[in-house]
C-alpha atoms as a PDB file:
ATOM      1  CA  MET A   1     118.171 128.124  -7.286  1.00  0.00           C
ATOM      2  CA  LYS A   2     117.241 124.638  -7.216  1.00  0.00           C
ATOM      3  CA  VAL A   3     120.170 124.260  -4.144  1.00  0.00           C
ATOM      4  CA  LEU A   4     118.815 127.028  -2.310  1.00  0.00           C
ATOM      5  CA  TRP A   5     115.450 125.430  -2.246  1.00  0.00           C
ATOM      6  CA  MET A   6     116.916 121.972  -1.268  1.00  0.00           C
ATOM      7  CA  VAL A   7     119.266 123.539   1.381  1.00  0.00           C
ATOM      8  CA  LEU A   8     115.991 125.813   2.759  1.00  0.00           C
ATOM      9  CA  ILE A   9     114.006 122.579   3.108  1.00  0.00           C
ATOM     10  CA  ALA A  10     116.472 120.323   4.503  1.00  0.00           C
ATOM     11  CA  PHE A  11     117.298 123.133   7.265  1.00  0.00           C
ATOM     12  CA  THR A  12     113.425 123.092   7.903  1.00  0.00           C
ATOM     13  CA  LEU A  13     113.087 119.680   8.062  1.00  0.00           C
ATOM     14  CA  SER A  14     116.035 119.419  10.407  1.00  0.00           C
ATOM     15  CA  PHE A  15     115.153 121.657  12.752  1.00  0.00           C
ATOM     16  CA  SER A  16     111.040 120.855  12.395  1.00  0.00           C
ATOM     17  CA  ASP A  17     111.707 118.370  15.770  1.00  0.00           C
ATOM     18  CA  GLU A  18     113.184 121.746  17.605  1.00  0.00           C
ATOM     19  CA  ILE A  19     109.890 123.739  16.618  1.00  0.00           C
ATOM     20  CA  GLN A  20     107.690 121.090  17.827  1.00  0.00           C
ATOM     21  CA  ARG A  21     109.413 120.605  21.375  1.00  0.00           C
ATOM     22  CA  VAL A  22     109.195 124.283  21.990  1.00  0.00           C
ATOM     23  CA  ASP A  23     105.401 124.239  20.899  1.00  0.00           C
ATOM     24  CA  ASP A  24     104.947 121.539  23.655  1.00  0.00           C
ATOM     25  CA  MET A  25     106.570 123.467  26.109  1.00  0.00           C
ATOM     26  CA  LEU A  26     104.885 126.869  25.679  1.00  0.00           C
ATOM     27  CA  GLN A  27     101.471 123.836  26.073  1.00  0.00           C
ATOM     28  CA  ASP A  28     102.666 122.838  28.920  1.00  0.00           C
ATOM     29  CA  ILE A  29     103.512 126.440  30.504  1.00  0.00           C
ATOM     30  CA  SER A  30     100.275 127.615  29.557  1.00  0.00           C
ATOM     31  CA  LYS A  31      98.752 124.696  31.252  1.00  0.00           C
ATOM     32  CA  LEU A  32     100.506 125.211  34.527  1.00  0.00           C
ATOM     33  CA  ARG A  33      99.911 129.364  34.444  1.00  0.00           C
ATOM     34  CA  ALA A  34      96.155 127.852  34.478  1.00  0.00           C
ATOM     35  CA  ASP A  35      96.595 125.689  37.485  1.00  0.00           C
ATOM     36  CA  TYR A  36      98.108 128.301  39.422  1.00  0.00           C
ATOM     37  CA  GLN A  37      95.945 130.416  38.923  1.00  0.00           C
ATOM     38  CA  LYS A  38      92.907 127.735  40.057  1.00  0.00           C
ATOM     39  CA  SER A  39      94.761 126.820  42.990  1.00  0.00           C
ATOM     40  CA  GLN A  40      95.465 130.106  44.028  1.00  0.00           C
ATOM     41  CA  ASN A  41      91.967 131.346  43.832  1.00  0.00           C
ATOM     42  CA  LYS A  42      91.463 128.152  45.994  1.00  0.00           C
ATOM     43  CA  ILE A  43      93.687 129.216  48.887  1.00  0.00           C
ATOM     44  CA  ALA A  44      91.854 132.853  48.752  1.00  0.00           C
ATOM     45  CA  GLN A  45      88.321 131.155  49.023  1.00  0.00           C
ATOM     46  CA  LEU A  46      89.818 128.917  52.013  1.00  0.00           C
ATOM     47  CA  GLU A  47      91.075 132.058  53.637  1.00  0.00           C
ATOM     48  CA  GLU A  48      88.275 134.082  53.205  1.00  0.00           C
ATOM     49  CA  ILE A  49      86.204 130.961  55.249  1.00  0.00           C
ATOM     50  CA  ILE A  50      88.461 130.894  57.695  1.00  0.00           C
ATOM     51  CA  GLN A  51      88.064 134.464  58.373  1.00  0.00           C
ATOM     52  CA  LYS A  52      84.259 134.248  58.331  1.00  0.00           C
ATOM     53  CA  GLN A  53      84.562 131.695  61.053  1.00  0.00           C
ATOM     54  CA  LYS A  54      86.661 133.652  63.057  1.00  0.00           C
ATOM     55  CA  GLN A  55      84.562 137.002  63.022  1.00  0.00           C
ATOM     56  CA  PHE A  56      81.019 134.099  63.373  1.00  0.00           C
ATOM     57  CA  SER A  57      83.066 132.655  66.703  1.00  0.00           C
ATOM     58  CA  ALA A  58      84.030 135.970  67.925  1.00  0.00           C
ATOM     59  CA  LYS A  59      80.651 137.313  67.876  1.00  0.00           C
ATOM     60  CA  LYS A  60      79.149 134.011  69.214  1.00  0.00           C
ATOM     61  CA  ILE A  61      77.716 134.527  72.349  1.00  0.00           C
ATOM     62  CA  ALA A  62      76.666 132.358  74.533  1.00  0.00           C
ATOM     63  CA  PRO A  63      72.962 132.050  76.017  1.00  0.00           C
ATOM     64  CA  LYS A  64      72.673 133.353  79.650  1.00  0.00           C
ATOM     65  CA  PRO A  65      71.350 130.306  81.632  1.00  0.00           C
ATOM     66  CA  LYS A  66      68.094 130.893  83.549  1.00  0.00           C
ATOM     67  CA  VAL A  67      68.291 131.268  87.256  1.00  0.00           C
ATOM     68  CA  LYS A  68      65.680 130.556  89.361  1.00  0.00           C
ATOM     69  CA  THR A  69      65.188 132.523  92.984  1.00  0.00           C
ATOM     70  CA  ILE A  70      63.878 130.632  95.450  1.00  0.00           C
ATOM     71  CA  THR A  71      63.326 132.936  98.723  1.00  0.00           C
ATOM     72  CA  LYS A  72      62.812 131.016 101.806  1.00  0.00           C
ATOM     73  CA  GLU A  73      63.224 132.463 105.200  1.00  0.00           C
ATOM     74  CA  ILE A  74      65.310 130.724 107.567  1.00  0.00           C
ATOM     75  CA  PHE A  75      65.193 131.361 111.530  1.00  0.00           C
ATOM     76  CA  PHE A  76      68.372 130.591 113.390  1.00  0.00           C
ATOM     77  CA  SER A  77      67.752 129.474 117.194  1.00  0.00           C
ATOM     78  CA  LYS A  78      70.130 130.002 120.132  1.00  0.00           C
ATOM     79  CA  CYS A  79      71.093 127.029 121.684  1.00  0.00           C
ATOM     80  CA  GLU A  80      70.795 127.015 125.363  1.00  0.00           C
ATOM     81  CA  ALA A  81      72.285 124.053 126.118  1.00  0.00           C
ATOM     82  CA  PRO A  82      75.983 124.454 127.172  1.00  0.00           C
ATOM     83  CA  ASN A  83      78.865 123.003 124.806  1.00  0.00           C
ATOM     84  CA  PRO A  84      79.253 119.238 125.234  1.00  0.00           C
ATOM     85  CA  PHE A  85      82.578 119.492 124.103  1.00  0.00           C
ATOM     86  CA  PRO A  86      85.140 120.621 126.104  1.00  0.00           C
ATOM     87  CA  LYS A  87      88.056 122.674 125.026  1.00  0.00           C
ATOM     88  CA  LEU A  88      90.719 120.648 122.890  1.00  0.00           C
ATOM     89  CA  MET A  89      94.011 120.718 124.217  1.00  0.00           C
ATOM     90  CA  MET A  90      97.044 118.934 123.683  1.00  0.00           C
ATOM     91  CA  LYS A  91      97.682 115.677 125.502  1.00  0.00           C
ATOM     92  CA  GLU A  92      99.980 115.766 128.594  1.00  0.00           C
ATOM     93  CA  ASP A  93     102.160 113.423 126.522  1.00  0.00           C
ATOM     94  CA  ASN A  94     103.048 114.890 124.044  1.00  0.00           C
ATOM     95  CA  LYS A  95     104.531 118.372 125.342  1.00  0.00           C
ATOM     96  CA  ILE A  96     108.003 118.630 124.648  1.00  0.00           C
ATOM     97  CA  TYR A  97     110.390 120.139 127.051  1.00  0.00           C
ATOM     98  CA  SER A  98     113.921 120.977 126.221  1.00  0.00           C
ATOM     99  CA  PHE A  99     116.889 121.011 128.885  1.00  0.00           C
ATOM    100  CA  LYS A 100     120.776 121.581 128.695  1.00  0.00           C
ATOM    101  CA  ALA A 101     122.211 118.304 126.737  1.00  0.00           C
ATOM    102  CA  SER A 102     122.922 115.321 129.377  1.00  0.00           C
ATOM    103  CA  ALA A 103     124.032 111.565 128.684  1.00  0.00           C
ATOM    104  CA  PHE A 104     121.492 108.711 128.992  1.00  0.00           C
ATOM    105  CA  ARG A 105     122.367 105.084 129.099  1.00  0.00           C
ATOM    106  CA  ALA A 106     119.265 102.545 128.137  1.00  0.00           C
ATOM    107  CA  ASN A 107     118.670 100.636 131.265  1.00  0.00           C
ATOM    108  CA  LYS A 108     117.652  97.161 129.506  1.00  0.00           C
ATOM    109  CA  SER A 109     117.151  95.967 125.633  1.00  0.00           C
ATOM    110  CA  ALA A 110     115.132  99.018 124.168  1.00  0.00           C
ATOM    111  CA  SER A 111     113.195  99.684 121.194  1.00  0.00           C
ATOM    112  CA  ILE A 112     114.057 102.674 119.342  1.00  0.00           C
ATOM    113  CA  TYR A 113     111.651 104.714 117.331  1.00  0.00           C
ATOM    114  CA  SER A 114     111.599 106.746 114.378  1.00  0.00           C
ATOM    115  CA  GLY A 115     109.319 109.614 116.028  1.00  0.00           C
ATOM    116  CA  LEU A 116     106.775 109.988 118.774  1.00  0.00           C
ATOM    117  CA  ASN A 117     104.171 107.984 117.523  1.00  0.00           C
ATOM    118  CA  GLY A 118     106.570 106.491 115.013  1.00  0.00           C
ATOM    119  CA  ASP A 119     107.639 102.731 114.145  1.00  0.00           C
ATOM    120  CA  VAL A 120     110.307 100.750 115.690  1.00  0.00           C
ATOM    121  CA  ILE A 121     113.489 101.507 113.759  1.00  0.00           C
ATOM    122  CA  LYS A 122     116.423  99.887 115.580  1.00  0.00           C
ATOM    123  CA  GLN A 123     116.985  97.669 119.016  1.00  0.00           C
ATOM    124  CA  TRP A 124     119.600  98.922 121.235  1.00  0.00           C
ATOM    125  CA  GLU A 125     121.438  96.303 124.154  1.00  0.00           C
ATOM    126  CA  LYS A 126     121.489  97.254 127.297  1.00  0.00           C
ATOM    127  CA  ASN A 127     123.832 100.217 128.605  1.00  0.00           C
ATOM    128  CA  THR A 128     123.799 101.758 125.317  1.00  0.00           C
ATOM    129  CA  SER A 129     124.791 105.397 126.001  1.00  0.00           C
ATOM    130  CA  PHE A 130     123.376 107.985 124.429  1.00  0.00           C
ATOM    131  CA  THR A 131     123.030 112.156 124.675  1.00  0.00           C
ATOM    132  CA  SER A 132     119.788 114.189 124.640  1.00  0.00           C
ATOM    133  CA  ASP A 133     118.317 117.642 125.153  1.00  0.00           C
ATOM    134  CA  THR A 134     114.402 117.127 124.244  1.00  0.00           C
ATOM    135  CA  ARG A 135     111.987 115.187 125.737  1.00  0.00           C
ATOM    136  CA  THR A 136     107.792 114.493 126.640  1.00  0.00           C
ATOM    137  CA  ASP A 137     106.867 112.946 129.603  1.00  0.00           C
ATOM    138  CA  SER A 138     106.812 109.024 128.109  1.00  0.00           C
ATOM    139  CA  MET A 139     109.993 109.543 125.475  1.00  0.00           C
ATOM    140  CA  ILE A 140     113.293 110.779 125.137  1.00  0.00           C
ATOM    141  CA  LYS A 141     115.060 111.964 121.683  1.00  0.00           C
ATOM    142  CA  ILE A 142     118.314 110.496 121.112  1.00  0.00           C
ATOM    143  CA  THR A 143     120.883 113.680 119.399  1.00  0.00           C
ATOM    144  CA  GLY A 144     123.599 111.317 119.645  1.00  0.00           C
ATOM    145  CA  TYR A 145     125.305 108.093 120.535  1.00  0.00           C
ATOM    146  CA  PHE A 146     128.615 106.644 121.457  1.00  0.00           C
ATOM    147  CA  VAL A 147     130.262 103.925 119.351  1.00  0.00           C
ATOM    148  CA  ASN A 148     133.294 102.626 121.189  1.00  0.00           C
ATOM    149  CA  ARG A 149     133.288 105.716 123.421  1.00  0.00           C
ATOM    150  CA  ALA A 150     133.647 108.188 120.283  1.00  0.00           C
ATOM    151  CA  TRP A 151     130.378 110.155 120.251  1.00  0.00           C
ATOM    152  CA  THR A 152     128.268 110.285 116.780  1.00  0.00           C
ATOM    153  CA  ALA A 153     125.537 112.933 115.995  1.00  0.00           C
ATOM    154  CA  SER A 154     122.326 111.352 114.967  1.00  0.00           C
ATOM    155  CA  THR A 155     120.951 112.044 111.805  1.00  0.00           C
ATOM    156  CA  LYS A 156     118.053 110.651 111.833  1.00  0.00           C
ATOM    157  CA  ASP A 157     115.055 110.913 113.957  1.00  0.00           C
ATOM    158  CA  MET A 158     115.381 108.779 117.144  1.00  0.00           C
ATOM    159  CA  TRP A 159     113.102 108.122 120.169  1.00  0.00           C
ATOM    160  CA  ILE A 160     113.785 105.975 123.139  1.00  0.00           C
ATOM    161  CA  LYS A 161     110.620 105.608 125.848  1.00  0.00           C
ATOM    162  CA  ALA A 162     111.823 107.354 129.115  1.00  0.00           C
ATOM    163  CA  GLN A 163     111.343 103.940 131.104  1.00  0.00           C
ATOM    164  CA  ASP A 164     113.860 102.349 128.825  1.00  0.00           C
ATOM    165  CA  ALA A 165     116.640 104.875 129.816  1.00  0.00           C
ATOM    166  CA  THR A 166     118.577 106.734 132.847  1.00  0.00           C
ATOM    167  CA  LYS A 167     120.080 109.764 133.081  1.00  0.00           C
ATOM    168  CA  ARG A 168     124.006 109.269 133.654  1.00  0.00           C
END
């Protein structure tokens, strides 16, 4: 019987560390459960606060501004004098005319413009040939020009003064 008691005591002493470890784990688990429950309660409280703020902002109505009405009688008098401004009309030199395409030649060294009121983009030599089918009283639109006797279509808007060109 002594041997049995000795084996039982030895067995208990050898597994006592294991029992202590299981007890520590149970305490840790209990602490984690308590912390988890606290965090769940905090989350529920925050969600409740957010819902209340949403309801409050939805119910919140901006105060209507007070409008002060001013009444004043306004009298309009009819103008008996004639209109001092003439009717607006297009300038004659900007009237655009179309005609059958024709060949032209620069009768002197001439400036080429980017539009009717545009900037100078090129300088052409005397006798440079070009074609056109559009003009105003003071400008001719260049629709194509000749390079080494080969006609090339104009890719840009180009104009020449009518006084600098002669019809061929």
